[in-house]
């Protein structure tokens, strides 16, 4: 019974990442998400996962693996979108300097 409660809680807290992932993918923007936030949250999730493994709590292990995957996906989107945004900004700056010259 306790494991089911833990799994239900984990499903609810882990599924909250779906809207953020979808929004980031659709808008191609993660500018409002900081790297510090992702790193600190990721470290916390890894610690919870470790605690779940050590205490042999299946609910903690399963939900923290799922959350780790969601955070990793968001970090990958952020890396890609930040990189393409920097390229686009550099290209705009080059065009503007050519027009000014």
N, C-alpha and C. Protein backbone atom coordinates (compact mmCIF):
# COMPACT_ATOMS: atom_id res chain seq x y z
N UNK A 1 0.82 -1.20 0.00
CA UNK A 1 0.00 0.00 0.00
C UNK A 1 0.87 1.26 0.00
N UNK A 2 1.92 1.28 0.81
CA UNK A 2 2.81 2.44 0.88
C UNK A 2 3.51 2.64 -0.47
N UNK A 3 3.91 1.55 -1.13
CA UNK A 3 4.56 1.67 -2.43
C UNK A 3 3.61 2.28 -3.45
N UNK A 4 2.35 1.90 -3.42
CA UNK A 4 1.37 2.50 -4.34
C UNK A 4 1.21 3.98 -4.09
N UNK A 5 1.21 4.36 -2.83
CA UNK A 5 1.13 5.78 -2.48
C UNK A 5 2.34 6.53 -3.03
N UNK A 6 3.52 5.96 -2.84
CA UNK A 6 4.74 6.56 -3.36
C UNK A 6 4.75 6.66 -4.87
N UNK A 7 4.28 5.61 -5.54
CA UNK A 7 4.20 5.64 -7.00
C UNK A 7 3.21 6.68 -7.49
N UNK A 8 2.07 6.80 -6.82
CA UNK A 8 1.07 7.81 -7.20
C UNK A 8 1.66 9.21 -7.04
N UNK A 9 2.33 9.45 -5.93
CA UNK A 9 2.97 10.75 -5.72
C UNK A 9 4.03 11.01 -6.77
N UNK A 10 4.81 9.99 -7.08
CA UNK A 10 5.85 10.12 -8.09
C UNK A 10 5.31 10.40 -9.48
N UNK A 11 4.23 9.73 -9.84
CA UNK A 11 3.62 9.96 -11.15
C UNK A 11 3.14 11.41 -11.26
N UNK A 12 2.52 11.91 -10.20
CA UNK A 12 2.03 13.29 -10.22
C UNK A 12 3.18 14.29 -10.33
N UNK A 13 4.21 14.13 -9.51
CA UNK A 13 5.30 15.11 -9.53
C UNK A 13 6.17 14.98 -10.78
N UNK A 14 6.31 13.78 -11.28
CA UNK A 14 7.12 13.60 -12.49
C UNK A 14 6.37 14.06 -13.74
N UNK A 15 5.08 13.82 -13.79
CA UNK A 15 4.30 14.22 -14.98
C UNK A 15 4.19 15.73 -15.12
N UNK A 16 4.48 16.48 -14.07
CA UNK A 16 4.42 17.94 -14.19
C UNK A 16 5.48 18.46 -15.14
N UNK A 17 6.47 17.65 -15.49
CA UNK A 17 7.50 18.08 -16.44
C UNK A 17 7.01 18.05 -17.87
N UNK A 18 5.98 17.29 -18.16
CA UNK A 18 5.49 17.17 -19.54
C UNK A 18 5.10 18.52 -20.14
N UNK A 19 4.31 19.35 -19.46
CA UNK A 19 3.95 20.64 -20.06
C UNK A 19 5.17 21.53 -20.35
N UNK A 20 6.16 21.52 -19.46
CA UNK A 20 7.36 22.34 -19.69
C UNK A 20 8.15 21.83 -20.88
N UNK A 21 8.28 20.52 -20.98
CA UNK A 21 8.99 19.94 -22.12
C UNK A 21 8.27 20.26 -23.43
N UNK A 22 6.95 20.10 -23.45
CA UNK A 22 6.18 20.40 -24.66
C UNK A 22 6.28 21.88 -25.03
N UNK A 23 6.14 22.74 -24.03
CA UNK A 23 6.23 24.19 -24.30
C UNK A 23 7.60 24.55 -24.85
N UNK A 24 8.65 24.03 -24.24
CA UNK A 24 10.00 24.32 -24.69
C UNK A 24 10.22 23.82 -26.11
N UNK A 25 9.73 22.65 -26.40
CA UNK A 25 9.89 22.08 -27.75
C UNK A 25 9.10 22.89 -28.78
N UNK A 26 7.87 23.25 -28.45
CA UNK A 26 7.03 24.00 -29.41
C UNK A 26 7.53 25.41 -29.66
N UNK A 27 7.96 26.09 -28.62
CA UNK A 27 8.41 27.48 -28.77
C UNK A 27 9.87 27.58 -29.17
N UNK A 28 10.58 26.47 -29.08
CA UNK A 28 12.02 26.44 -29.36
C UNK A 28 12.77 27.44 -28.47
N UNK A 29 12.28 27.59 -27.23
CA UNK A 29 12.90 28.52 -26.31
C UNK A 29 12.97 27.92 -24.91
N UNK A 30 14.13 28.05 -24.32
CA UNK A 30 14.33 27.66 -22.92
C UNK A 30 15.06 28.78 -22.20
N UNK A 31 14.95 29.98 -22.73
CA UNK A 31 15.66 31.13 -22.16
C UNK A 31 15.25 31.41 -20.72
N UNK A 32 14.02 31.06 -20.37
CA UNK A 32 13.54 31.33 -19.01
C UNK A 32 13.92 30.25 -18.01
N UNK A 33 14.71 29.27 -18.43
CA UNK A 33 15.18 28.20 -17.54
C UNK A 33 16.68 28.35 -17.37
N UNK A 34 17.14 28.46 -16.14
CA UNK A 34 18.57 28.67 -15.92
C UNK A 34 19.31 27.34 -15.80
N UNK A 35 20.58 27.38 -16.18
CA UNK A 35 21.42 26.20 -16.03
C UNK A 35 21.61 25.85 -14.57
N UNK A 36 21.72 26.88 -13.72
CA UNK A 36 21.88 26.63 -12.29
C UNK A 36 20.69 25.85 -11.74
N UNK A 37 19.49 26.26 -12.14
CA UNK A 37 18.27 25.56 -11.72
C UNK A 37 18.32 24.09 -12.13
N UNK A 38 18.66 23.83 -13.39
CA UNK A 38 18.70 22.45 -13.88
C UNK A 38 19.77 21.63 -13.15
N UNK A 39 20.91 22.24 -12.89
CA UNK A 39 21.99 21.51 -12.20
C UNK A 39 21.63 21.19 -10.75
N UNK A 40 21.09 22.18 -10.04
CA UNK A 40 20.74 21.94 -8.64
C UNK A 40 19.60 20.94 -8.53
N UNK A 41 18.59 21.09 -9.37
CA UNK A 41 17.48 20.14 -9.36
C UNK A 41 17.96 18.74 -9.74
N UNK A 42 18.80 18.66 -10.76
CA UNK A 42 19.33 17.37 -11.18
C UNK A 42 20.14 16.70 -10.08
N UNK A 43 20.94 17.48 -9.36
CA UNK A 43 21.72 16.92 -8.25
C UNK A 43 20.79 16.40 -7.16
N UNK A 44 19.74 17.14 -6.86
CA UNK A 44 18.77 16.69 -5.86
C UNK A 44 18.08 15.41 -6.27
N UNK A 45 17.73 15.31 -7.53
CA UNK A 45 17.06 14.10 -8.03
C UNK A 45 18.01 12.90 -7.96
N UNK A 46 19.27 13.11 -8.30
CA UNK A 46 20.25 12.02 -8.21
C UNK A 46 20.41 11.57 -6.75
N UNK A 47 20.41 12.51 -5.82
CA UNK A 47 20.50 12.14 -4.41
C UNK A 47 19.27 11.35 -3.96
N UNK A 48 18.08 11.78 -4.38
CA UNK A 48 16.86 11.03 -4.05
C UNK A 48 16.91 9.64 -4.67
N UNK A 49 17.40 9.54 -5.89
CA UNK A 49 17.52 8.24 -6.55
C UNK A 49 18.48 7.35 -5.77
N UNK A 50 19.61 7.90 -5.35
CA UNK A 50 20.57 7.15 -4.55
C UNK A 50 19.94 6.68 -3.24
N UNK A 51 19.22 7.57 -2.59
CA UNK A 51 18.53 7.22 -1.35
C UNK A 51 17.53 6.08 -1.60
N UNK A 52 16.80 6.16 -2.70
CA UNK A 52 15.85 5.11 -3.04
C UNK A 52 16.51 3.77 -3.28
N UNK A 53 17.67 3.79 -3.93
CA UNK A 53 18.40 2.54 -4.19
C UNK A 53 18.90 1.95 -2.87
N UNK A 54 19.51 2.81 -2.04
CA UNK A 54 20.06 2.34 -0.76
C UNK A 54 18.95 1.81 0.14
N UNK A 55 17.82 2.48 0.17
CA UNK A 55 16.71 2.04 1.03
C UNK A 55 15.80 1.01 0.36
N UNK A 56 16.13 0.66 -0.88
CA UNK A 56 15.36 -0.34 -1.66
C UNK A 56 13.88 0.04 -1.78
N UNK A 57 13.67 1.31 -2.10
CA UNK A 57 12.32 1.83 -2.26
C UNK A 57 12.03 1.94 -3.76
N UNK A 58 11.23 1.01 -4.26
CA UNK A 58 10.95 0.95 -5.70
C UNK A 58 10.28 2.22 -6.21
N UNK A 59 9.41 2.81 -5.41
CA UNK A 59 8.72 4.02 -5.84
C UNK A 59 9.70 5.17 -6.03
N UNK A 60 10.61 5.34 -5.08
CA UNK A 60 11.62 6.41 -5.22
C UNK A 60 12.53 6.17 -6.41
N UNK A 61 12.94 4.96 -6.60
CA UNK A 61 13.83 4.64 -7.72
C UNK A 61 13.12 4.90 -9.05
N UNK A 62 11.94 4.37 -9.22
CA UNK A 62 11.22 4.50 -10.50
C UNK A 62 10.92 5.96 -10.83
N UNK A 63 10.39 6.68 -9.87
CA UNK A 63 10.00 8.06 -10.18
C UNK A 63 11.20 8.98 -10.36
N UNK A 64 12.28 8.72 -9.63
CA UNK A 64 13.45 9.57 -9.81
C UNK A 64 14.22 9.24 -11.08
N UNK A 65 14.14 8.02 -11.56
CA UNK A 65 14.69 7.72 -12.88
C UNK A 65 13.89 8.47 -13.94
N UNK A 66 12.57 8.44 -13.84
CA UNK A 66 11.73 9.15 -14.81
C UNK A 66 11.98 10.65 -14.76
N UNK A 67 12.10 11.20 -13.57
CA UNK A 67 12.36 12.64 -13.44
C UNK A 67 13.74 12.99 -13.98
N UNK A 68 14.72 12.13 -13.74
CA UNK A 68 16.06 12.36 -14.28
C UNK A 68 16.03 12.42 -15.80
N UNK A 69 15.27 11.53 -16.41
CA UNK A 69 15.15 11.53 -17.86
C UNK A 69 14.47 12.81 -18.37
N UNK A 70 13.45 13.27 -17.66
CA UNK A 70 12.76 14.50 -18.05
C UNK A 70 13.70 15.70 -17.94
N UNK A 71 14.46 15.77 -16.87
CA UNK A 71 15.39 16.89 -16.69
C UNK A 71 16.51 16.82 -17.73
N UNK A 72 16.98 15.62 -18.03
CA UNK A 72 18.00 15.46 -19.06
C UNK A 72 17.47 15.92 -20.42
N UNK A 73 16.23 15.57 -20.72
CA UNK A 73 15.62 16.01 -21.99
C UNK A 73 15.51 17.53 -22.03
N UNK A 74 15.12 18.14 -20.93
CA UNK A 74 15.01 19.59 -20.88
C UNK A 74 16.39 20.24 -21.02
N UNK A 75 17.40 19.66 -20.41
CA UNK A 75 18.76 20.19 -20.53
C UNK A 75 19.25 20.08 -21.97
N UNK A 76 18.92 18.99 -22.64
CA UNK A 76 19.30 18.83 -24.05
C UNK A 76 18.61 19.88 -24.91
N UNK A 77 17.31 20.10 -24.68
CA UNK A 77 16.60 21.14 -25.42
C UNK A 77 17.23 22.51 -25.16
N UNK A 78 17.54 22.79 -23.91
CA UNK A 78 18.15 24.08 -23.56
C UNK A 78 19.48 24.24 -24.28
N UNK A 79 20.31 23.22 -24.27
CA UNK A 79 21.60 23.29 -24.95
C UNK A 79 21.41 23.59 -26.44
N UNK A 80 20.53 22.85 -27.07
CA UNK A 80 20.31 23.04 -28.52
C UNK A 80 19.72 24.41 -28.83
N UNK A 81 18.71 24.81 -28.07
CA UNK A 81 18.03 26.07 -28.37
C UNK A 81 18.90 27.28 -28.02
N UNK A 82 19.66 27.21 -26.94
CA UNK A 82 20.57 28.30 -26.59
C UNK A 82 21.64 28.45 -27.67
N UNK A 83 22.12 27.32 -28.14
CA UNK A 83 23.17 27.32 -29.17
C UNK A 83 22.65 27.93 -30.46
N UNK A 84 21.47 27.53 -30.90
CA UNK A 84 20.92 28.07 -32.15
C UNK A 84 20.55 29.53 -31.99
N UNK A 85 20.13 29.93 -30.80
CA UNK A 85 19.81 31.33 -30.54
C UNK A 85 21.06 32.20 -30.63
N UNK A 86 22.16 31.71 -30.08
CA UNK A 86 23.42 32.47 -30.16
C UNK A 86 23.86 32.62 -31.61
N UNK A 87 23.70 31.55 -32.40
CA UNK A 87 24.07 31.63 -33.82
C UNK A 87 23.21 32.64 -34.54
N UNK A 88 21.91 32.63 -34.29
CA UNK A 88 21.00 33.57 -34.95
C UNK A 88 21.33 35.01 -34.55
N UNK A 89 21.62 35.23 -33.28
CA UNK A 89 21.97 36.58 -32.82
C UNK A 89 23.27 37.06 -33.46
N UNK A 90 24.23 36.18 -33.61
CA UNK A 90 25.49 36.54 -34.24
C UNK A 90 25.28 36.89 -35.70
N UNK A 91 24.41 36.15 -36.37
CA UNK A 91 24.13 36.42 -37.77
C UNK A 91 23.43 37.77 -37.93
N UNK A 92 22.50 38.09 -37.06
CA UNK A 92 21.82 39.38 -37.10
C UNK A 92 22.82 40.51 -36.87
N UNK A 93 23.73 40.31 -35.93
CA UNK A 93 24.75 41.33 -35.65
C UNK A 93 25.65 41.55 -36.85
N UNK A 94 26.03 40.48 -37.54
CA UNK A 94 26.86 40.62 -38.75
C UNK A 94 26.12 41.38 -39.82
N UNK A 95 24.86 41.07 -40.03
CA UNK A 95 24.07 41.78 -41.05
C UNK A 95 23.92 43.26 -40.70
N UNK A 96 23.70 43.54 -39.43
CA UNK A 96 23.55 44.93 -39.00
C UNK A 96 24.84 45.71 -39.20
N UNK A 97 25.97 45.07 -38.93
CA UNK A 97 27.25 45.79 -39.10
C UNK A 97 27.55 46.02 -40.58
N UNK A 98 27.12 45.13 -41.43
CA UNK A 98 27.32 45.31 -42.88
C UNK A 98 26.48 46.48 -43.38
N UNK A 99 25.26 46.59 -42.88
CA UNK A 99 24.38 47.69 -43.30
C UNK A 99 24.87 49.02 -42.77
N UNK A 100 25.47 49.01 -41.61
CA UNK A 100 25.97 50.25 -41.03
C UNK A 100 27.24 50.74 -41.74
N UNK A 101 27.96 49.82 -42.35
CA UNK A 101 29.23 50.18 -42.99
C UNK A 101 29.06 50.81 -44.33
